[in-house]
């Protein structure tokens, strides 16, 4: 599970992110409302932990904009504003839960699990499509006609990023940030290895899509049948 933490208190954000990573979550951090909204629009996170009082856009503005854009990623407010009216305003704006600072970390974990736990009857498999392939981020399954292959989580995250930005040149720095995270100390050569494996997976299912190297910049996923 990948969580986006939007919190301008650097000490608090480092503490929360450290403990969430210990629990096995992947965590990205933003300390600004406008930047946080840009990350949300990438639609790569399973949950957003959102402060109310942020520089740039405040938390209510971030939440209102993402909901108006049809982004349904679950949101838990983490805020010092704890009056009944504050909680009501946040929940009515589209938050899935509301926690008042200071809070117990074990309770935060319980709230996260609760928000992410959905009845099976309400679950819908997400499918991303481009050219002649479809991909399910939920099952990590790549499909072309009757051929399928299951990807690793990291390789699946890489493919998902390209499928959400088809035909666009994605700089290496952007890919490393979105797939490996802001705080990850990943070697640049790892990206080349993963693009090799992704190309091999596309060939394995018989897809005509090509992952093209743009020298000095990054990579682009192209449909050669267009």
C-alpha atoms as a PDB file:
ATOM      1  CA  UNK A   1       0.000   0.000   0.000  1.00  0.00           C
ATOM      2  CA  UNK A   2       1.257   3.480  -0.897  1.00  0.00           C
ATOM      3  CA  UNK A   3       0.364   6.465   1.292  1.00  0.00           C
ATOM      4  CA  UNK A   4       0.782  10.166   0.550  1.00  0.00           C
ATOM      5  CA  UNK A   5       1.398  12.255   3.686  1.00  0.00           C
ATOM      6  CA  UNK A   6       0.755  15.990   3.209  1.00  0.00           C
ATOM      7  CA  UNK A   7       2.019  17.663   6.380  1.00  0.00           C
ATOM      8  CA  UNK A   8       4.061  20.871   6.776  1.00  0.00           C
ATOM      9  CA  UNK A   9       5.432  19.973  10.219  1.00  0.00           C
ATOM     10  CA  UNK A  10       8.730  18.385   9.159  1.00  0.00           C
ATOM     11  CA  UNK A  11       9.377  16.659  12.477  1.00  0.00           C
ATOM     12  CA  UNK A  12       5.881  15.173  12.628  1.00  0.00           C
ATOM     13  CA  UNK A  13       5.936  14.062   8.995  1.00  0.00           C
ATOM     14  CA  UNK A  14       9.285  12.308   9.497  1.00  0.00           C
ATOM     15  CA  UNK A  15       7.997  10.538  12.612  1.00  0.00           C
ATOM     16  CA  UNK A  16       4.755   9.376  10.967  1.00  0.00           C
ATOM     17  CA  UNK A  17       6.459   8.278   7.759  1.00  0.00           C
ATOM     18  CA  UNK A  18       9.163   6.357   9.650  1.00  0.00           C
ATOM     19  CA  UNK A  19       6.618   4.411  11.681  1.00  0.00           C
ATOM     20  CA  UNK A  20       4.372   3.736   8.687  1.00  0.00           C
ATOM     21  CA  UNK A  21       7.335   2.340   6.757  1.00  0.00           C
ATOM     22  CA  UNK A  22       8.071   0.076   9.705  1.00  0.00           C
ATOM     23  CA  UNK A  23       4.534  -1.271   9.238  1.00  0.00           C
ATOM     24  CA  UNK A  24       5.269  -2.065   5.590  1.00  0.00           C
ATOM     25  CA  UNK A  25       3.673   0.955   3.902  1.00  0.00           C
ATOM     26  CA  UNK A  26       5.350   2.944   1.138  1.00  0.00           C
ATOM     27  CA  UNK A  27       5.161   6.630   2.075  1.00  0.00           C
ATOM     28  CA  UNK A  28       5.632   9.797   0.022  1.00  0.00           C
ATOM     29  CA  UNK A  29       5.771  13.177   1.760  1.00  0.00           C
ATOM     30  CA  UNK A  30       4.692  16.648   0.669  1.00  0.00           C
ATOM     31  CA  UNK A  31       4.812  19.752   2.862  1.00  0.00           C
ATOM     32  CA  UNK A  32       2.797  22.032   0.592  1.00  0.00           C
ATOM     33  CA  UNK A  33      -0.850  21.915  -0.487  1.00  0.00           C
ATOM     34  CA  UNK A  34      -0.242  22.730  -4.160  1.00  0.00           C
ATOM     35  CA  UNK A  35       2.525  20.140  -4.484  1.00  0.00           C
ATOM     36  CA  UNK A  36       0.392  17.618  -2.608  1.00  0.00           C
ATOM     37  CA  UNK A  37      -2.460  18.100  -5.081  1.00  0.00           C
ATOM     38  CA  UNK A  38      -0.059  17.456  -7.970  1.00  0.00           C
ATOM     39  CA  UNK A  39       0.924  14.152  -6.354  1.00  0.00           C
ATOM     40  CA  UNK A  40      -2.739  13.262  -5.787  1.00  0.00           C
ATOM     41  CA  UNK A  41      -3.481  13.821  -9.473  1.00  0.00           C
ATOM     42  CA  UNK A  42      -0.951  11.112 -10.353  1.00  0.00           C
ATOM     43  CA  UNK A  43      -3.407   8.619  -8.786  1.00  0.00           C
ATOM     44  CA  UNK A  44      -0.671   6.298  -7.552  1.00  0.00           C
ATOM     45  CA  UNK A  45      -1.575   6.370  -3.846  1.00  0.00           C
ATOM     46  CA  UNK A  46      -4.026   4.177  -1.964  1.00  0.00           C
ATOM     47  CA  UNK A  47      -4.590   6.732   0.811  1.00  0.00           C
ATOM     48  CA  UNK A  48      -3.882  10.394   1.591  1.00  0.00           C
ATOM     49  CA  UNK A  49      -3.109  11.651   5.104  1.00  0.00           C
ATOM     50  CA  UNK A  50      -3.880  15.360   4.903  1.00  0.00           C
ATOM     51  CA  UNK A  51      -3.201  18.259   7.274  1.00  0.00           C
ATOM     52  CA  UNK A  52      -5.810  21.052   7.381  1.00  0.00           C
ATOM     53  CA  UNK A  53      -3.448  24.020   7.776  1.00  0.00           C
ATOM     54  CA  UNK A  54      -0.935  23.973   4.902  1.00  0.00           C
ATOM     55  CA  UNK A  55       1.052  26.564   2.934  1.00  0.00           C
ATOM     56  CA  UNK A  56      -0.131  27.103  -0.617  1.00  0.00           C
ATOM     57  CA  UNK A  57      -3.532  25.439  -0.633  1.00  0.00           C
ATOM     58  CA  UNK A  58      -5.016  24.499   2.719  1.00  0.00           C
ATOM     59  CA  UNK A  59      -6.215  20.968   3.329  1.00  0.00           C
ATOM     60  CA  UNK A  60      -9.896  21.732   2.685  1.00  0.00           C
ATOM     61  CA  UNK A  61      -9.032  23.294  -0.671  1.00  0.00           C
ATOM     62  CA  UNK A  62      -6.896  20.287  -1.623  1.00  0.00           C
ATOM     63  CA  UNK A  63      -9.702  17.887  -0.703  1.00  0.00           C
ATOM     64  CA  UNK A  64     -12.411  19.925  -2.442  1.00  0.00           C
ATOM     65  CA  UNK A  65     -10.404  20.159  -5.671  1.00  0.00           C
ATOM     66  CA  UNK A  66      -9.570  16.462  -5.816  1.00  0.00           C
ATOM     67  CA  UNK A  67     -13.204  15.494  -5.231  1.00  0.00           C
ATOM     68  CA  UNK A  68     -14.405  17.963  -7.903  1.00  0.00           C
ATOM     69  CA  UNK A  69     -11.940  16.319 -10.306  1.00  0.00           C
ATOM     70  CA  UNK A  70     -13.452  12.925  -9.553  1.00  0.00           C
ATOM     71  CA  UNK A  71     -10.462  11.609  -7.597  1.00  0.00           C
ATOM     72  CA  UNK A  72     -11.852   9.151  -5.059  1.00  0.00           C
ATOM     73  CA  UNK A  73      -8.623   8.269  -3.209  1.00  0.00           C
ATOM     74  CA  UNK A  74      -9.488   7.913   0.517  1.00  0.00           C
ATOM     75  CA  UNK A  75      -8.452  10.854   2.710  1.00  0.00           C
ATOM     76  CA  UNK A  76      -7.868  11.016   6.465  1.00  0.00           C
ATOM     77  CA  UNK A  77      -7.506  14.503   7.918  1.00  0.00           C
ATOM     78  CA  UNK A  78      -4.765  14.923  10.541  1.00  0.00           C
ATOM     79  CA  UNK A  79      -5.277  18.311  12.169  1.00  0.00           C
ATOM     80  CA  UNK A  80      -5.199  20.381  15.330  1.00  0.00           C
ATOM     81  CA  UNK A  81      -8.649  21.769  14.473  1.00  0.00           C
ATOM     82  CA  UNK A  82     -10.820  19.571  16.647  1.00  0.00           C
ATOM     83  CA  UNK A  83     -14.088  21.402  17.211  1.00  0.00           C
ATOM     84  CA  UNK A  84     -17.309  19.683  16.158  1.00  0.00           C
ATOM     85  CA  UNK A  85     -17.794  22.247  13.404  1.00  0.00           C
ATOM     86  CA  UNK A  86     -14.264  21.597  12.092  1.00  0.00           C
ATOM     87  CA  UNK A  87     -14.822  17.850  11.967  1.00  0.00           C
ATOM     88  CA  UNK A  88     -18.208  18.259  10.303  1.00  0.00           C
ATOM     89  CA  UNK A  89     -16.774  20.618   7.692  1.00  0.00           C
ATOM     90  CA  UNK A  90     -13.952  18.213   6.885  1.00  0.00           C
ATOM     91  CA  UNK A  91     -16.178  15.147   6.590  1.00  0.00           C
ATOM     92  CA  UNK A  92     -18.758  17.012   4.510  1.00  0.00           C
ATOM     93  CA  UNK A  93     -15.981  18.133   2.162  1.00  0.00           C
ATOM     94  CA  UNK A  94     -15.288  14.484   1.343  1.00  0.00           C
ATOM     95  CA  UNK A  95     -12.856  13.208   3.967  1.00  0.00           C
ATOM     96  CA  UNK A  96     -13.168   9.544   4.924  1.00  0.00           C
ATOM     97  CA  UNK A  97     -11.997  10.111   8.506  1.00  0.00           C
ATOM     98  CA  UNK A  98     -10.810  12.903  10.779  1.00  0.00           C
ATOM     99  CA  UNK A  99      -8.144  12.683  13.498  1.00  0.00           C
ATOM    100  CA  UNK A 100      -7.259  15.475  15.906  1.00  0.00           C
ATOM    101  CA  UNK A 101      -3.635  16.112  16.907  1.00  0.00           C
ATOM    102  CA  UNK A 102      -2.037  14.904  19.062  1.00  0.00           C
ATOM    103  CA  UNK A 103      -3.125  11.353  18.333  1.00  0.00           C
ATOM    104  CA  UNK A 104      -1.933   7.877  19.233  1.00  0.00           C
ATOM    105  CA  UNK A 105      -0.073   6.167  16.389  1.00  0.00           C
ATOM    106  CA  UNK A 106      -1.775   2.830  17.041  1.00  0.00           C
ATOM    107  CA  UNK A 107      -5.131   4.544  16.589  1.00  0.00           C
ATOM    108  CA  UNK A 108      -3.917   6.065  13.329  1.00  0.00           C
ATOM    109  CA  UNK A 109      -2.935   2.598  12.124  1.00  0.00           C
ATOM    110  CA  UNK A 110      -6.381   1.283  13.052  1.00  0.00           C
ATOM    111  CA  UNK A 111      -8.070   4.154  11.198  1.00  0.00           C
ATOM    112  CA  UNK A 112      -5.899   3.536   8.117  1.00  0.00           C
ATOM    113  CA  UNK A 113      -6.783  -0.162   8.092  1.00  0.00           C
ATOM    114  CA  UNK A 114     -10.461   0.673   8.551  1.00  0.00           C
ATOM    115  CA  UNK A 115     -10.534   3.141   5.651  1.00  0.00           C
ATOM    116  CA  UNK A 116      -8.663   0.755   3.354  1.00  0.00           C
ATOM    117  CA  UNK A 117     -10.866  -2.184   4.326  1.00  0.00           C
ATOM    118  CA  UNK A 118     -13.766  -2.296   1.862  1.00  0.00           C
ATOM    119  CA  UNK A 119     -16.496  -4.924   1.512  1.00  0.00           C
ATOM    120  CA  UNK A 120     -15.769  -7.324  -1.335  1.00  0.00           C
ATOM    121  CA  UNK A 121     -19.091  -6.441  -2.941  1.00  0.00           C
ATOM    122  CA  UNK A 122     -17.952  -2.818  -3.274  1.00  0.00           C
ATOM    123  CA  UNK A 123     -14.506  -3.558  -4.665  1.00  0.00           C
ATOM    124  CA  UNK A 124     -13.931  -2.921  -8.347  1.00  0.00           C
ATOM    125  CA  UNK A 125     -10.813  -4.007 -10.149  1.00  0.00           C
ATOM    126  CA  UNK A 126      -9.034  -1.031 -11.651  1.00  0.00           C
ATOM    127  CA  UNK A 127      -8.041  -1.556 -15.278  1.00  0.00           C
ATOM    128  CA  UNK A 128      -5.633   0.645 -17.214  1.00  0.00           C
ATOM    129  CA  UNK A 129      -5.523   0.289 -20.999  1.00  0.00           C
ATOM    130  CA  UNK A 130      -3.362   1.626 -23.795  1.00  0.00           C
ATOM    131  CA  UNK A 131      -2.836   0.305 -27.290  1.00  0.00           C
ATOM    132  CA  UNK A 132      -3.262  -3.463 -27.265  1.00  0.00           C
ATOM    133  CA  UNK A 133      -2.740  -4.118 -23.535  1.00  0.00           C
ATOM    134  CA  UNK A 134      -4.648  -3.804 -20.297  1.00  0.00           C
ATOM    135  CA  UNK A 135      -3.198  -3.848 -16.803  1.00  0.00           C
ATOM    136  CA  UNK A 136      -4.736  -4.399 -13.368  1.00  0.00           C
ATOM    137  CA  UNK A 137      -2.785  -2.638 -10.583  1.00  0.00           C
ATOM    138  CA  UNK A 138      -4.830  -4.635  -8.055  1.00  0.00           C
ATOM    139  CA  UNK A 139      -3.677  -8.052  -9.310  1.00  0.00           C
ATOM    140  CA  UNK A 140      -0.452  -6.858 -11.041  1.00  0.00           C
ATOM    141  CA  UNK A 141      -1.665  -8.643 -14.185  1.00  0.00           C
ATOM    142  CA  UNK A 142      -0.675  -7.510 -17.684  1.00  0.00           C
ATOM    143  CA  UNK A 143      -2.940  -8.748 -20.502  1.00  0.00           C
ATOM    144  CA  UNK A 144      -2.794  -8.819 -24.286  1.00  0.00           C
ATOM    145  CA  UNK A 145      -5.555 -10.803 -25.998  1.00  0.00           C
ATOM    146  CA  UNK A 146      -5.433 -14.207 -24.281  1.00  0.00           C
ATOM    147  CA  UNK A 147      -1.904 -13.801 -22.956  1.00  0.00           C
ATOM    148  CA  UNK A 148      -1.219 -12.725 -19.370  1.00  0.00           C
ATOM    149  CA  UNK A 149       1.759 -12.243 -17.090  1.00  0.00           C
ATOM    150  CA  UNK A 150       1.981 -11.194 -13.453  1.00  0.00           C
ATOM    151  CA  UNK A 151       4.472  -8.432 -12.648  1.00  0.00           C
ATOM    152  CA  UNK A 152       6.389  -7.635  -9.490  1.00  0.00           C
ATOM    153  CA  UNK A 153       5.043  -4.722  -7.437  1.00  0.00           C
ATOM    154  CA  UNK A 154       7.850  -2.385  -8.490  1.00  0.00           C
ATOM    155  CA  UNK A 155       7.593  -3.340 -12.147  1.00  0.00           C
ATOM    156  CA  UNK A 156       3.828  -2.908 -11.939  1.00  0.00           C
ATOM    157  CA  UNK A 157       4.241   0.579 -10.472  1.00  0.00           C
ATOM    158  CA  UNK A 158       6.540   1.464 -13.360  1.00  0.00           C
ATOM    159  CA  UNK A 159       4.073   0.184 -15.963  1.00  0.00           C
ATOM    160  CA  UNK A 160       1.192   1.987 -14.243  1.00  0.00           C
ATOM    161  CA  UNK A 161       3.079   5.282 -14.456  1.00  0.00           C
ATOM    162  CA  UNK A 162       3.627   4.859 -18.204  1.00  0.00           C
ATOM    163  CA  UNK A 163       0.022   3.783 -18.816  1.00  0.00           C
ATOM    164  CA  UNK A 164      -1.233   6.893 -17.021  1.00  0.00           C
ATOM    165  CA  UNK A 165       0.996   9.045 -19.240  1.00  0.00           C
ATOM    166  CA  UNK A 166       0.910   7.333 -22.662  1.00  0.00           C
ATOM    167  CA  UNK A 167       2.989   8.894 -25.400  1.00  0.00           C
ATOM    168  CA  UNK A 168       4.599  11.369 -23.014  1.00  0.00           C
ATOM    169  CA  UNK A 169       8.325  11.607 -22.404  1.00  0.00           C
ATOM    170  CA  UNK A 170       8.855  10.939 -18.697  1.00  0.00           C
ATOM    171  CA  UNK A 171      12.181  12.269 -17.375  1.00  0.00           C
ATOM    172  CA  UNK A 172      14.303   9.825 -15.398  1.00  0.00           C
ATOM    173  CA  UNK A 173      14.036  12.002 -12.288  1.00  0.00           C
ATOM    174  CA  UNK A 174      10.228  11.960 -12.501  1.00  0.00           C
ATOM    175  CA  UNK A 175      10.124   8.181 -12.862  1.00  0.00           C
ATOM    176  CA  UNK A 176      12.459   7.632  -9.914  1.00  0.00           C
ATOM    177  CA  UNK A 177      10.380  10.008  -7.799  1.00  0.00           C
ATOM    178  CA  UNK A 178       7.021   8.466  -8.660  1.00  0.00           C
ATOM    179  CA  UNK A 179       8.023   4.795  -8.561  1.00  0.00           C
ATOM    180  CA  UNK A 180      10.728   4.649  -5.898  1.00  0.00           C
ATOM    181  CA  UNK A 181       9.604   7.619  -3.799  1.00  0.00           C
ATOM    182  CA  UNK A 182      11.134  10.874  -2.655  1.00  0.00           C
ATOM    183  CA  UNK A 183      13.238   9.444   0.156  1.00  0.00           C
ATOM    184  CA  UNK A 184      14.508   6.320  -1.564  1.00  0.00           C
ATOM    185  CA  UNK A 185      18.253   6.034  -2.210  1.00  0.00           C
ATOM    186  CA  UNK A 186      17.959   4.141  -5.481  1.00  0.00           C
ATOM    187  CA  UNK A 187      20.808   3.896  -7.968  1.00  0.00           C
ATOM    188  CA  UNK A 188      20.098   5.418 -11.373  1.00  0.00           C
ATOM    189  CA  UNK A 189      21.068   2.171 -13.089  1.00  0.00           C
ATOM    190  CA  UNK A 190      18.149   0.383 -11.420  1.00  0.00           C
ATOM    191  CA  UNK A 191      15.769   2.265 -13.705  1.00  0.00           C
ATOM    192  CA  UNK A 192      17.527   0.911 -16.788  1.00  0.00           C
ATOM    193  CA  UNK A 193      17.246  -2.613 -15.400  1.00  0.00           C
ATOM    194  CA  UNK A 194      13.529  -2.250 -14.733  1.00  0.00           C
ATOM    195  CA  UNK A 195      12.819  -0.786 -18.179  1.00  0.00           C
ATOM    196  CA  UNK A 196      14.579  -3.827 -19.645  1.00  0.00           C
ATOM    197  CA  UNK A 197      12.348  -6.160 -17.615  1.00  0.00           C
ATOM    198  CA  UNK A 198       9.248  -4.168 -18.593  1.00  0.00           C
ATOM    199  CA  UNK A 199      10.112  -4.404 -22.283  1.00  0.00           C
ATOM    200  CA  UNK A 200      10.576  -8.142 -21.834  1.00  0.00           C
ATOM    201  CA  UNK A 201       7.149  -8.440 -20.177  1.00  0.00           C
ATOM    202  CA  UNK A 202       5.483  -6.564 -23.044  1.00  0.00           C
ATOM    203  CA  UNK A 203       7.135  -8.904 -25.547  1.00  0.00           C
ATOM    204  CA  UNK A 204       6.137 -11.909 -23.455  1.00  0.00           C
ATOM    205  CA  UNK A 205       2.422 -11.177 -23.887  1.00  0.00           C
ATOM    206  CA  UNK A 206       2.881 -10.273 -27.561  1.00  0.00           C
ATOM    207  CA  UNK A 207       2.203  -6.533 -27.279  1.00  0.00           C
ATOM    208  CA  UNK A 208       3.212  -4.087 -30.004  1.00  0.00           C
ATOM    209  CA  UNK A 209       3.805  -1.311 -27.458  1.00  0.00           C
ATOM    210  CA  UNK A 210       7.339   0.006 -27.302  1.00  0.00           C
ATOM    211  CA  UNK A 211       9.171   1.618 -24.418  1.00  0.00           C
ATOM    212  CA  UNK A 212      11.411   4.076 -26.206  1.00  0.00           C
ATOM    213  CA  UNK A 213      14.565   5.614 -24.760  1.00  0.00           C
ATOM    214  CA  UNK A 214      14.775   9.396 -25.202  1.00  0.00           C
ATOM    215  CA  UNK A 215      18.494  10.011 -24.865  1.00  0.00           C
ATOM    216  CA  UNK A 216      19.483  12.402 -22.122  1.00  0.00           C
ATOM    217  CA  UNK A 217      15.902  12.710 -20.886  1.00  0.00           C
ATOM    218  CA  UNK A 218      14.025   9.510 -20.048  1.00  0.00           C
ATOM    219  CA  UNK A 219      11.505   7.098 -21.570  1.00  0.00           C
ATOM    220  CA  UNK A 220       8.239   7.132 -23.510  1.00  0.00           C
ATOM    221  CA  UNK A 221       5.622   4.391 -23.939  1.00  0.00           C
ATOM    222  CA  UNK A 222       4.489   4.358 -27.579  1.00  0.00           C
ATOM    223  CA  UNK A 223       1.847   2.544 -29.576  1.00  0.00           C
ATOM    224  CA  UNK A 224       3.512   1.739 -32.904  1.00  0.00           C
ATOM    225  CA  UNK A 225       0.143   0.728 -34.389  1.00  0.00           C
ATOM    226  CA  UNK A 226      -1.121   4.348 -34.301  1.00  0.00           C
END
